[in-house]
Amino acid sequence: MNQTKQFQVRSKKRLKNFLWPTRYVTFDAAHVARHGNGFHYKGKPYVTHTTLGKKDSAVERTNSTQRIVLVSLLVTTVALGYINTSFLLVAIVSLITILYFADLLFNFFLITRSMGHKNEITISDKAVAGRNVWPRYTILCPLYKETVILPQFIDAMKAIDYPKAKLEVLLLLEADDTATIQAAQALDLPDFFTIVVVPDSLPKTKPKACNYGLLRATGEYTVIYDAEDVPDPFQLKKAVLAFAVSDANLGCIQAKLNYYNWNQNLLTRLFTLEYSLWFNLVLTGLQSINAPIPLGGTSNHFRTQIIRDLGGWDPFNVTEDADLGIRLSKKGLRTAVLDSITLEEANSQLGNWLKQRARWIKGYMQTYLVHTRRLGEFSAHNRRIDVMTFQLVIGGKVLSALINPVLWILTISYFAFRPIVGDFVESLYLAPIFYLGAISLVIGNFLYLYYYMIGAAREGRPELVVYALFVPLYWIMMSIAAYYALRDLIIRPFHWHKTKHGLHIAQEKTVEVVQ
């Protein structure tokens, strides 16, 4: 075979493997019996402890249809750029501007809905005190390299006001994390705690550990708490009562999240502003229209059977919570916000924050790619509007983080170097699009900053209102994290950036020493 023929054969094989890869082989029954559910992918065994199929998982970034669409879009864009570059640039700017304006209107709608209605479920102290019989409740606690914060977490779990005979706390510890295992074993744990060692296997992710814990859960209800969490002591009781007063299609109850070290530095203050807006206004607005809600990574409560019926968590999605929230919605199940707060540790170090945020954004990218494979599933329960909501909440957040720097540079260049680039920038905007862009720039940015202020006031932190002026710096940081996430999605799609917890403890000890 001559070299030309060999090159053609290799090219065809590469194209076929790109569009229709055959790299996924499910474990046979004997392997499942020994190790648990999973599959071989690219020759490596992945023990997932879930029956969730490949089509619902982020194990592969895209499917064959998506790859065909992406290649077609790329070819079309290059062709248009070659034929008429000016037309292509105007079309792209117009599309982006329309999307930004739609996001502005959508967020205004959500915020006004939240301000005009009491959307979250509120359970009174009287209702909690009036019930004596409680169902069994399982708490899944995935912990990895958490020796510093482990004592605080154990105290927080002990402080939960729930009949201990009906409480099951599963500490999910990784087999290779001997330090945390030994630290947990050295503590005088009450009988309702159980140390569960997750066998060492790929993938090394929190959702894989949760799936392993779910196999052992005996509670009628299940909740996840992270290592740094300090939940409202009555939260489990409130969740049980919230499920009791709701209809059968309530699939998940999401407690609100915020931070106990909110005043540690500028970064923690901005982080607290973000969470105050998200949980007090945005999520409650989404709940008011029964829209898909991307869950937080902690304090989401389920009827255990529902989470099992859904196949548990996607062990390859690094924001498994957001993915699960979308899957709940596709099955016709609602998520409601509970007026109960879990306090967490706000990331106080920039490098640590960037890695954590990059993981979150990468997970949103994974979630978007997984759920655009079959958009028709959103309308299976006559909720076609959920397709648009999904695009704005998941896709829109990722797109804006990636596009924002380009628009900022374009805007700054226009005003700073108008004699040089003014004509070029103006040529990119059709007259109607220019006005939409101006509204998004002036009114939109003002409203977004105002929303942060409202969120701070609703959280009972009015002293944070002034820090909303620093939020544009926070947006820049999020865009940096977004490009970090995009790189990770390409080269290591389900790598889990471990977030360091207990930084506030280290600072407190330093202050004590100085004093």
Protein backbone atom coordinates (compact mmCIF):
# COMPACT_ATOMS: atom_id res chain seq x y z
CA MET A 1 0.00 0.00 0.00
CA ASN A 2 1.51 3.36 -1.01
CA GLN A 3 1.84 6.27 1.41
CA THR A 4 -1.16 8.17 -0.03
CA LYS A 5 -3.42 5.14 0.45
CA GLN A 6 -2.13 4.60 4.00
CA PHE A 7 -2.79 8.25 4.85
CA GLN A 8 -6.39 7.99 3.54
CA VAL A 9 -7.05 4.83 5.58
CA ARG A 10 -5.66 6.41 8.77
CA SER A 11 -7.68 9.58 8.18
CA LYS A 12 -10.92 7.60 7.77
CA LYS A 13 -10.21 5.66 10.99
CA ARG A 14 -9.54 8.86 12.90
CA LEU A 15 -12.72 10.50 11.61
CA LYS A 16 -14.77 7.39 12.46
CA ASN A 17 -13.27 7.20 15.94
CA PHE A 18 -13.95 10.90 16.48
CA LEU A 19 -17.59 10.71 15.44
CA TRP A 20 -18.47 7.18 16.60
CA PRO A 21 -15.95 6.12 19.28
CA THR A 22 -16.21 2.59 20.71
CA ARG A 23 -14.34 3.03 23.98
CA TYR A 24 -17.02 2.10 26.50
CA VAL A 25 -17.55 -1.52 27.67
CA THR A 26 -19.91 -2.28 30.57
CA PHE A 27 -18.70 -4.62 33.34
CA ASP A 28 -19.94 -8.20 33.13
CA ALA A 29 -22.01 -9.68 35.98
CA ALA A 30 -19.01 -11.31 37.68
CA HIS A 31 -17.06 -8.03 37.73
CA VAL A 32 -20.09 -6.17 39.11
CA ALA A 33 -20.46 -8.75 41.88
CA ARG A 34 -16.83 -8.26 42.93
CA HIS A 35 -16.38 -4.51 42.51
CA GLY A 36 -19.74 -2.83 41.86
CA ASN A 37 -21.37 -1.26 38.81
CA GLY A 38 -19.15 0.38 36.25
CA PHE A 39 -17.41 -0.04 32.91
CA HIS A 40 -14.11 0.01 31.08
CA TYR A 41 -13.39 3.27 29.28
CA LYS A 42 -10.33 3.60 27.05
CA GLY A 43 -9.06 0.40 28.62
CA LYS A 44 -9.34 1.61 32.23
CA PRO A 45 -11.88 0.29 34.76
CA TYR A 46 -14.22 2.87 36.30
CA VAL A 47 -16.26 1.70 39.27
CA THR A 48 -19.19 4.12 39.48
CA HIS A 49 -21.58 2.32 41.89
CA THR A 50 -24.49 3.53 39.77
CA THR A 51 -26.66 2.22 36.95
CA LEU A 52 -26.65 5.62 35.26
CA GLY A 53 -26.09 5.01 31.54
CA LYS A 54 -23.46 6.54 29.31
CA LYS A 55 -26.04 8.73 27.56
CA ASP A 56 -26.80 10.44 30.90
CA SER A 57 -23.19 10.76 31.98
CA ALA A 58 -20.34 13.18 31.36
CA VAL A 59 -17.85 10.34 30.86
CA GLU A 60 -17.63 11.54 27.25
CA ARG A 61 -17.74 15.26 26.61
CA THR A 62 -19.93 14.98 23.50
CA ASN A 63 -21.82 12.35 21.56
CA SER A 64 -21.56 11.73 17.81
CA THR A 65 -24.46 14.05 16.93
CA GLN A 66 -22.93 16.89 18.92
CA ARG A 67 -19.57 16.35 17.27
CA ILE A 68 -21.17 16.51 13.83
CA VAL A 69 -22.97 19.73 14.79
CA LEU A 70 -19.80 21.29 16.21
CA VAL A 71 -17.76 20.40 13.13
CA SER A 72 -20.53 21.75 10.87
CA LEU A 73 -20.67 25.02 12.83
CA LEU A 74 -16.90 25.37 12.64
CA VAL A 75 -16.83 24.74 8.90
CA THR A 76 -19.73 27.15 8.32
CA THR A 77 -18.07 29.86 10.44
CA VAL A 78 -14.75 29.53 8.61
CA ALA A 79 -16.52 29.59 5.25
CA LEU A 80 -18.53 32.70 6.17
CA GLY A 81 -15.39 34.37 7.46
CA TYR A 82 -13.64 33.70 4.16
CA ILE A 83 -16.60 34.87 2.05
CA ASN A 84 -17.62 37.93 4.09
CA THR A 85 -15.74 38.60 7.32
CA SER A 86 -17.68 41.77 8.06
CA PHE A 87 -21.04 39.97 7.84
CA LEU A 88 -19.79 37.19 10.13
CA LEU A 89 -18.58 39.61 12.81
CA VAL A 90 -21.82 41.61 12.72
CA ALA A 91 -23.86 38.38 13.01
CA ILE A 92 -21.81 37.16 16.01
CA VAL A 93 -22.02 40.51 17.82
CA SER A 94 -25.76 40.70 17.14
CA LEU A 95 -26.38 37.21 18.47
CA ILE A 96 -24.33 37.80 21.62
CA THR A 97 -26.03 41.14 22.29
CA ILE A 98 -29.50 39.60 21.93
CA LEU A 99 -28.54 36.79 24.32
CA TYR A 100 -27.23 39.28 26.90
CA PHE A 101 -30.41 41.33 26.62
CA ALA A 102 -32.55 38.20 27.01
CA ASP A 103 -30.55 37.28 30.13
CA LEU A 104 -31.09 40.80 31.49
CA LEU A 105 -34.87 40.50 31.04
CA PHE A 106 -34.93 36.98 32.47
CA ASN A 107 -33.02 37.94 35.61
CA PHE A 108 -35.22 41.01 36.08
CA PHE A 109 -38.25 38.73 35.88
CA LEU A 110 -36.80 36.28 38.43
CA ILE A 111 -35.80 39.00 40.91
CA THR A 112 -39.17 40.73 40.76
CA ARG A 113 -40.89 37.35 41.22
CA SER A 114 -38.75 36.70 44.30
CA MET A 115 -39.36 40.13 45.77
CA GLY A 116 -43.10 39.96 45.19
CA HIS A 117 -43.73 36.48 46.54
CA LYS A 118 -42.65 34.30 49.46
CA ASN A 119 -41.54 31.40 47.30
CA GLU A 120 -39.43 29.27 49.64
CA ILE A 121 -41.07 26.75 51.95
CA THR A 122 -41.17 28.03 55.54
CA ILE A 123 -41.72 25.64 58.46
CA SER A 124 -42.54 27.24 61.79
CA ASP A 125 -40.97 26.28 65.12
CA LYS A 126 -44.47 25.41 66.32
CA ALA A 127 -44.88 22.86 63.52
CA VAL A 128 -41.50 21.31 64.37
CA ALA A 129 -42.37 21.08 68.07
CA GLY A 130 -45.81 19.63 67.32
CA ARG A 131 -44.54 16.39 65.80
CA ASN A 132 -43.15 13.51 67.86
CA VAL A 133 -42.64 10.67 65.34
CA TRP A 134 -39.89 11.08 62.77
CA PRO A 135 -38.75 8.83 59.89
CA ARG A 136 -35.23 7.44 59.57
CA TYR A 137 -32.83 9.94 57.98
CA THR A 138 -29.46 9.28 56.32
CA ILE A 139 -26.75 11.93 56.13
CA LEU A 140 -24.09 11.31 53.48
CA CYS A 141 -20.80 13.01 54.36
CA PRO A 142 -18.17 12.67 51.59
CA LEU A 143 -14.83 13.67 53.13
CA TYR A 144 -11.38 13.65 51.54
CA LYS A 145 -8.24 14.94 53.23
CA GLU A 146 -10.26 16.79 55.86
CA THR A 147 -8.33 16.15 59.08
CA VAL A 148 -8.19 19.88 59.94
CA ILE A 149 -11.91 20.52 59.80
CA LEU A 150 -13.14 17.05 60.84
CA PRO A 151 -13.69 17.91 64.55
CA GLN A 152 -15.80 20.95 63.63
CA PHE A 153 -17.86 18.82 61.24
CA ILE A 154 -18.46 16.08 63.82
CA ASP A 155 -19.65 18.71 66.32
CA ALA A 156 -22.02 20.16 63.69
CA MET A 157 -23.53 16.72 63.02
CA LYS A 158 -23.90 16.05 66.77
CA ALA A 159 -25.75 19.37 67.13
CA ILE A 160 -28.50 18.35 64.71
CA ASP A 161 -31.80 18.18 66.57
CA TYR A 162 -33.20 14.84 65.40
CA PRO A 163 -33.91 11.60 67.27
CA LYS A 164 -30.54 9.89 67.27
CA ALA A 165 -32.15 6.46 67.04
CA LYS A 166 -33.58 7.54 63.67
CA LEU A 167 -30.39 9.23 62.43
CA GLU A 168 -27.66 7.64 60.32
CA VAL A 169 -24.50 9.64 59.58
CA LEU A 170 -22.27 7.92 57.01
CA LEU A 171 -18.73 9.33 56.89
CA LEU A 172 -17.63 8.44 53.35
CA LEU A 173 -13.83 8.26 53.47
CA GLU A 174 -11.57 7.30 50.57
CA ALA A 175 -9.41 4.18 51.04
CA ASP A 176 -6.20 6.06 50.16
CA ASP A 177 -6.92 8.86 52.66
CA THR A 178 -5.45 7.11 55.68
CA ALA A 179 -4.95 10.36 57.62
CA THR A 180 -8.66 11.20 57.69
CA ILE A 181 -9.61 7.57 58.37
CA GLN A 182 -7.27 7.43 61.35
CA ALA A 183 -8.46 10.83 62.61
CA ALA A 184 -12.10 9.70 62.42
CA GLN A 185 -11.34 6.41 64.15
CA ALA A 186 -9.53 8.26 66.95
CA LEU A 187 -12.61 10.36 67.73
CA ASP A 188 -15.23 9.17 70.19
CA LEU A 189 -18.03 8.95 67.64
CA PRO A 190 -21.62 8.35 68.80
CA ASP A 191 -23.41 5.17 67.69
CA PHE A 192 -25.33 6.94 64.91
CA PHE A 193 -22.03 7.61 63.07
CA THR A 194 -20.63 4.98 60.70
CA ILE A 195 -17.24 5.17 58.98
CA VAL A 196 -17.64 3.89 55.42
CA VAL A 197 -14.39 3.38 53.52
CA VAL A 198 -14.95 3.84 49.77
CA PRO A 199 -12.78 1.34 47.81
CA ASP A 200 -10.01 2.95 45.82
CA SER A 201 -11.06 3.19 42.16
CA LEU A 202 -11.55 5.59 39.30
CA PRO A 203 -13.08 8.13 39.09
CA LYS A 204 -11.86 9.90 42.23
CA THR A 205 -14.87 12.16 42.73
CA LYS A 206 -17.38 13.16 45.40
CA PRO A 207 -20.42 11.82 43.45
CA LYS A 208 -18.78 8.38 43.17
CA ALA A 209 -18.41 8.34 46.96
CA CYS A 210 -22.04 9.44 47.37
CA ASN A 211 -23.20 6.60 45.12
CA TYR A 212 -21.28 4.15 47.29
CA GLY A 213 -22.91 5.64 50.38
CA LEU A 214 -26.36 5.51 48.79
CA LEU A 215 -26.01 1.73 48.47
CA ARG A 216 -25.75 1.57 52.28
CA ALA A 217 -28.31 4.23 53.17
CA THR A 218 -31.20 2.94 55.28
CA GLY A 219 -33.07 6.22 55.77
CA GLU A 220 -36.39 7.11 54.19
CA TYR A 221 -34.79 10.49 53.48
CA THR A 222 -31.23 11.37 52.49
CA VAL A 223 -29.21 14.59 52.60
CA ILE A 224 -25.61 15.48 51.73
CA TYR A 225 -23.42 17.66 53.93
CA ASP A 226 -19.89 18.76 53.04
CA ALA A 227 -16.90 18.81 55.37
CA GLU A 228 -17.17 22.47 56.35
CA ASP A 229 -20.96 22.57 56.81
CA VAL A 230 -22.76 23.81 59.90
CA PRO A 231 -26.47 23.27 59.16
CA ASP A 232 -29.45 24.70 60.99
CA PRO A 233 -29.98 22.12 63.81
CA PHE A 234 -33.69 21.78 62.89
CA GLN A 235 -33.10 21.44 59.16
CA LEU A 236 -33.86 17.70 58.93
CA LYS A 237 -37.15 18.11 60.77
CA LYS A 238 -38.08 21.07 58.60
CA ALA A 239 -37.29 19.04 55.45
CA VAL A 240 -39.51 16.14 56.60
CA LEU A 241 -42.39 18.53 57.28
CA ALA A 242 -41.79 20.33 53.96
CA PHE A 243 -42.08 17.04 52.07
CA ALA A 244 -45.23 16.23 54.07
CA VAL A 245 -47.04 19.45 53.05
CA SER A 246 -45.96 19.24 49.39
CA ASP A 247 -47.29 17.18 46.51
CA ALA A 248 -45.75 13.92 45.31
CA ASN A 249 -43.77 15.51 42.47
CA LEU A 250 -41.49 17.38 44.90
CA GLY A 251 -38.24 15.56 44.21
CA CYS A 252 -35.75 17.64 46.18
CA ILE A 253 -35.65 20.26 48.90
CA GLN A 254 -32.67 22.61 48.71
CA ALA A 255 -31.74 24.44 51.90
CA LYS A 256 -30.16 27.86 51.54
CA LEU A 257 -26.38 28.17 51.79
CA ASN A 258 -24.25 30.98 53.11
CA TYR A 259 -21.00 31.55 55.00
CA TYR A 260 -19.89 31.83 58.61
CA ASN A 261 -16.55 33.47 57.73
CA TRP A 262 -18.17 36.10 55.50
CA ASN A 263 -16.14 38.92 57.09
CA GLN A 264 -12.71 37.29 56.76
CA ASN A 265 -11.47 39.33 53.76
CA LEU A 266 -12.67 40.98 50.54
CA LEU A 267 -12.94 37.65 48.71
CA THR A 268 -15.18 36.09 51.37
CA ARG A 269 -17.38 39.20 51.36
CA LEU A 270 -17.84 39.02 47.59
CA PHE A 271 -18.49 35.27 47.83
CA THR A 272 -21.16 35.96 50.46
CA LEU A 273 -22.77 38.59 48.23
CA GLU A 274 -22.94 36.06 45.41
CA TYR A 275 -24.57 33.37 47.56
CA SER A 276 -26.98 35.85 49.14
CA LEU A 277 -28.21 36.82 45.67
CA TRP A 278 -28.30 33.25 44.35
CA PHE A 279 -30.17 31.58 47.21
CA ASN A 280 -32.40 34.45 48.33
CA LEU A 281 -33.50 35.77 44.94
CA VAL A 282 -32.46 33.71 41.91
CA LEU A 283 -33.31 30.19 43.13
CA THR A 284 -36.56 31.30 44.72
CA GLY A 285 -37.45 33.04 41.45
CA LEU A 286 -36.77 29.82 39.54
CA GLN A 287 -38.86 27.89 42.06
CA SER A 288 -41.78 30.28 41.54
CA ILE A 289 -42.04 29.19 37.88
CA ASN A 290 -41.18 25.51 38.55
CA ALA A 291 -38.05 25.86 36.43
CA PRO A 292 -35.10 23.46 36.50
CA ILE A 293 -32.93 24.35 39.51
CA PRO A 294 -29.20 23.53 39.55
CA LEU A 295 -28.74 22.23 43.07
CA GLY A 296 -26.06 23.34 45.49
CA GLY A 297 -23.45 20.72 46.34
CA THR A 298 -24.76 20.35 49.87
CA SER A 299 -27.93 20.46 51.95
CA ASN A 300 -30.13 19.00 49.23
CA HIS A 301 -32.70 16.64 50.74
CA PHE A 302 -34.33 13.73 48.89
CA ARG A 303 -36.72 10.91 49.42
CA THR A 304 -34.12 8.13 49.22
CA GLN A 305 -36.12 6.05 46.76
CA ILE A 306 -36.34 8.96 44.32
CA ILE A 307 -32.59 9.42 44.18
CA ARG A 308 -32.16 5.67 43.68
CA ASP A 309 -34.73 5.65 40.88
CA LEU A 310 -32.74 8.42 39.17
CA GLY A 311 -29.57 6.29 39.33
CA GLY A 312 -27.82 8.43 41.93
CA TRP A 313 -25.20 10.98 40.92
CA ASP A 314 -23.10 11.18 37.77
CA PRO A 315 -19.60 10.29 39.03
CA PHE A 316 -17.98 12.04 36.05
CA ASN A 317 -19.71 15.40 36.46
CA VAL A 318 -17.71 17.70 38.73
CA THR A 319 -20.85 19.65 39.63
CA GLU A 320 -22.99 16.57 40.10
CA ASP A 321 -25.49 18.70 42.00
CA ALA A 322 -26.34 20.92 39.01
CA ASP A 323 -26.66 17.88 36.76
CA LEU A 324 -28.98 16.12 39.20
CA GLY A 325 -31.21 19.18 39.45
CA ILE A 326 -31.70 19.12 35.68
CA ARG A 327 -32.36 15.36 35.68
CA LEU A 328 -35.02 15.83 38.37
CA SER A 329 -36.76 18.42 36.21
CA LYS A 330 -36.66 16.18 33.13
CA LYS A 331 -38.51 13.51 35.13
CA GLY A 332 -41.24 15.98 36.02
CA LEU A 333 -40.00 16.42 39.60
CA ARG A 334 -39.79 19.83 41.27
CA THR A 335 -37.10 21.30 43.49
CA ALA A 336 -38.16 23.65 46.29
CA VAL A 337 -36.06 26.00 48.40
CA LEU A 338 -36.36 25.58 52.16
CA ASP A 339 -36.09 28.59 54.45
CA SER A 340 -33.32 26.98 56.48
CA ILE A 341 -29.64 27.90 56.24
CA THR A 342 -26.50 25.79 56.16
CA LEU A 343 -23.38 27.83 56.85
CA GLU A 344 -20.20 26.91 54.99
CA GLU A 345 -16.64 28.19 54.76
CA ALA A 346 -16.18 30.83 52.07
CA ASN A 347 -12.97 30.34 50.16
CA SER A 348 -10.56 32.96 51.48
CA GLN A 349 -7.53 32.30 49.23
CA LEU A 350 -7.58 33.44 45.61
CA GLY A 351 -5.73 30.44 44.15
CA ASN A 352 -7.95 28.00 46.03
CA TRP A 353 -11.05 29.96 44.96
CA LEU A 354 -9.99 29.91 41.28
CA LYS A 355 -9.59 26.12 41.32
CA GLN A 356 -12.92 25.65 43.04
CA ARG A 357 -14.72 28.02 40.66
CA ALA A 358 -13.05 26.44 37.61
CA ARG A 359 -14.40 23.07 38.76
CA TRP A 360 -17.89 24.51 39.16
CA ILE A 361 -17.84 26.13 35.71
CA LYS A 362 -16.42 22.98 34.13
CA GLY A 363 -19.29 21.06 35.72
CA TYR A 364 -21.77 23.52 34.21
CA MET A 365 -20.11 22.93 30.84
CA GLN A 366 -20.45 19.17 31.33
CA THR A 367 -24.08 19.55 32.41
CA TYR A 368 -24.86 21.68 29.37
CA LEU A 369 -23.28 19.18 26.98
CA VAL A 370 -24.99 16.18 28.59
CA HIS A 371 -28.47 17.69 28.58
CA THR A 372 -28.34 19.20 25.09
CA ARG A 373 -27.98 15.68 23.71
CA ARG A 374 -31.73 15.16 24.03
CA LEU A 375 -33.48 18.50 24.45
CA GLY A 376 -36.83 16.83 23.79
CA GLU A 377 -36.72 15.31 27.29
CA PHE A 378 -37.42 18.75 28.73
CA SER A 379 -40.86 18.75 27.10
CA ALA A 380 -41.74 15.18 28.10
CA HIS A 381 -43.92 16.61 30.87
CA ASN A 382 -45.29 19.50 28.79
CA ARG A 383 -42.62 21.91 30.05
CA ARG A 384 -41.18 23.18 26.77
CA ILE A 385 -40.32 26.47 28.46
CA ASP A 386 -37.70 24.57 30.47
CA VAL A 387 -35.51 24.35 27.36
CA MET A 388 -35.15 28.13 27.31
CA THR A 389 -34.67 28.32 31.08
CA PHE A 390 -31.95 25.67 30.89
CA GLN A 391 -30.19 27.58 28.11
CA LEU A 392 -30.15 30.80 30.15
CA VAL A 393 -29.35 29.37 33.59
CA ILE A 394 -26.71 26.81 32.57
CA GLY A 395 -25.52 27.75 29.09
CA GLY A 396 -25.89 31.50 29.58
CA LYS A 397 -23.75 31.59 32.71
CA VAL A 398 -20.92 29.73 31.00
CA LEU A 399 -21.13 31.79 27.82
CA SER A 400 -21.17 35.12 29.64
CA ALA A 401 -18.11 34.19 31.71
CA LEU A 402 -16.21 33.34 28.52
CA ILE A 403 -17.45 36.27 26.43
CA ASN A 404 -17.32 39.03 29.05
CA PRO A 405 -13.56 39.76 28.69
CA VAL A 406 -13.94 40.23 24.93
CA LEU A 407 -16.81 42.71 25.41
CA TRP A 408 -14.95 44.55 28.17
CA ILE A 409 -11.88 44.95 25.95
CA LEU A 410 -14.08 46.08 23.05
CA THR A 411 -15.88 48.66 25.21
CA ILE A 412 -12.74 50.04 26.88
CA SER A 413 -10.93 50.23 23.52
CA TYR A 414 -13.86 52.11 21.99
CA PHE A 415 -13.79 54.86 24.63
CA ALA A 416 -10.02 54.95 25.20
CA PHE A 417 -8.89 54.71 21.56
CA ARG A 418 -11.92 55.95 19.67
CA PRO A 419 -9.97 57.76 16.91
CA ILE A 420 -8.19 54.46 16.13
CA VAL A 421 -10.82 51.75 16.63
CA GLY A 422 -14.07 53.74 16.84
CA ASP A 423 -15.18 53.19 13.25
CA PHE A 424 -14.41 49.48 13.41
CA VAL A 425 -16.38 48.93 16.64
CA GLU A 426 -19.34 50.96 15.34
CA SER A 427 -19.38 48.88 12.16
CA LEU A 428 -20.03 45.75 14.24
CA TYR A 429 -23.38 47.01 15.53
CA LEU A 430 -26.58 47.38 13.57
CA ALA A 431 -28.66 50.29 14.89
CA PRO A 432 -31.25 48.19 16.85
CA ILE A 433 -28.47 45.96 18.22
CA PHE A 434 -26.49 49.00 19.35
CA TYR A 435 -29.41 50.20 21.49
CA LEU A 436 -29.87 46.74 23.03
CA GLY A 437 -26.15 46.67 23.81
CA ALA A 438 -26.26 50.14 25.37
CA ILE A 439 -29.20 49.14 27.57
CA SER A 440 -27.39 45.97 28.66
CA LEU A 441 -24.21 47.92 29.40
CA VAL A 442 -25.70 50.83 31.37
CA ILE A 443 -28.98 49.64 32.84
CA GLY A 444 -28.00 45.96 32.98
CA ASN A 445 -24.81 46.45 34.97
CA PHE A 446 -26.55 48.87 37.33
CA LEU A 447 -29.34 46.35 37.96
CA TYR A 448 -26.93 43.47 38.56
CA LEU A 449 -25.03 45.47 41.19
CA TYR A 450 -28.35 46.50 42.74
CA TYR A 451 -29.42 42.84 42.90
CA TYR A 452 -26.32 42.04 44.95
CA MET A 453 -27.26 44.83 47.34
CA ILE A 454 -30.80 43.45 47.68
CA GLY A 455 -29.40 39.98 48.30
CA ALA A 456 -27.16 41.30 51.09
CA ALA A 457 -30.10 43.09 52.71
CA ARG A 458 -32.28 39.96 52.50
CA GLU A 459 -29.50 37.92 54.09
CA GLY A 460 -29.40 40.35 56.99
CA ARG A 461 -25.92 41.64 56.07
CA PRO A 462 -26.53 45.32 55.18
CA GLU A 463 -22.86 46.07 55.95
CA LEU A 464 -22.00 44.14 52.77
CA VAL A 465 -23.99 46.47 50.49
CA VAL A 466 -21.04 48.78 49.87
CA TYR A 467 -18.90 45.82 48.73
CA ALA A 468 -21.22 45.35 45.75
CA LEU A 469 -19.08 48.08 44.13
CA PHE A 470 -16.23 45.54 43.98
CA VAL A 471 -18.32 42.91 42.19
CA PRO A 472 -16.87 43.79 38.72
CA LEU A 473 -13.51 42.53 40.03
CA TYR A 474 -15.27 39.33 41.01
CA TRP A 475 -16.63 39.00 37.47
CA ILE A 476 -13.10 39.29 36.09
CA MET A 477 -11.99 36.48 38.40
CA MET A 478 -14.91 34.32 37.24
CA SER A 479 -13.89 34.81 33.61
CA ILE A 480 -10.33 33.74 34.41
CA ALA A 481 -11.76 30.64 36.10
CA ALA A 482 -13.98 29.98 33.06
CA TYR A 483 -11.00 29.79 30.71
CA TYR A 484 -9.23 27.56 33.21
CA ALA A 485 -12.35 25.37 33.19
CA LEU A 486 -12.46 25.25 29.38
CA ARG A 487 -8.85 24.09 29.28
CA ASP A 488 -9.62 21.43 31.88
CA LEU A 489 -12.68 20.25 29.96
CA ILE A 490 -10.47 19.58 26.96
CA ILE A 491 -7.46 17.93 28.63
CA ARG A 492 -8.88 16.37 31.85
CA PRO A 493 -12.68 16.52 31.76
CA PHE A 494 -13.51 14.83 35.06
CA HIS A 495 -10.48 15.78 37.12
CA TRP A 496 -11.66 16.96 40.55
CA HIS A 497 -9.88 20.03 41.92
CA LYS A 498 -9.85 19.42 45.67
CA THR A 499 -10.93 22.50 47.64
CA LYS A 500 -8.92 23.17 50.79
CA HIS A 501 -11.14 23.58 53.82
CA GLY A 502 -10.33 24.87 57.28
CA LEU A 503 -8.50 28.00 56.12
CA HIS A 504 -10.51 30.05 58.62
CA ILE A 505 -9.30 27.74 61.41
CA ALA A 506 -5.68 28.32 60.45
CA GLN A 507 -6.26 32.08 60.49
CA GLU A 508 -7.99 31.92 63.88
CA LYS A 509 -5.03 30.02 65.33
CA THR A 510 -2.63 32.59 63.88
CA VAL A 511 -4.61 35.42 65.50
CA GLU A 512 -4.56 33.60 68.84
CA VAL A 513 -0.78 33.20 68.66
CA VAL A 514 -0.27 36.89 67.82
CA GLN A 515 -2.51 37.96 70.67
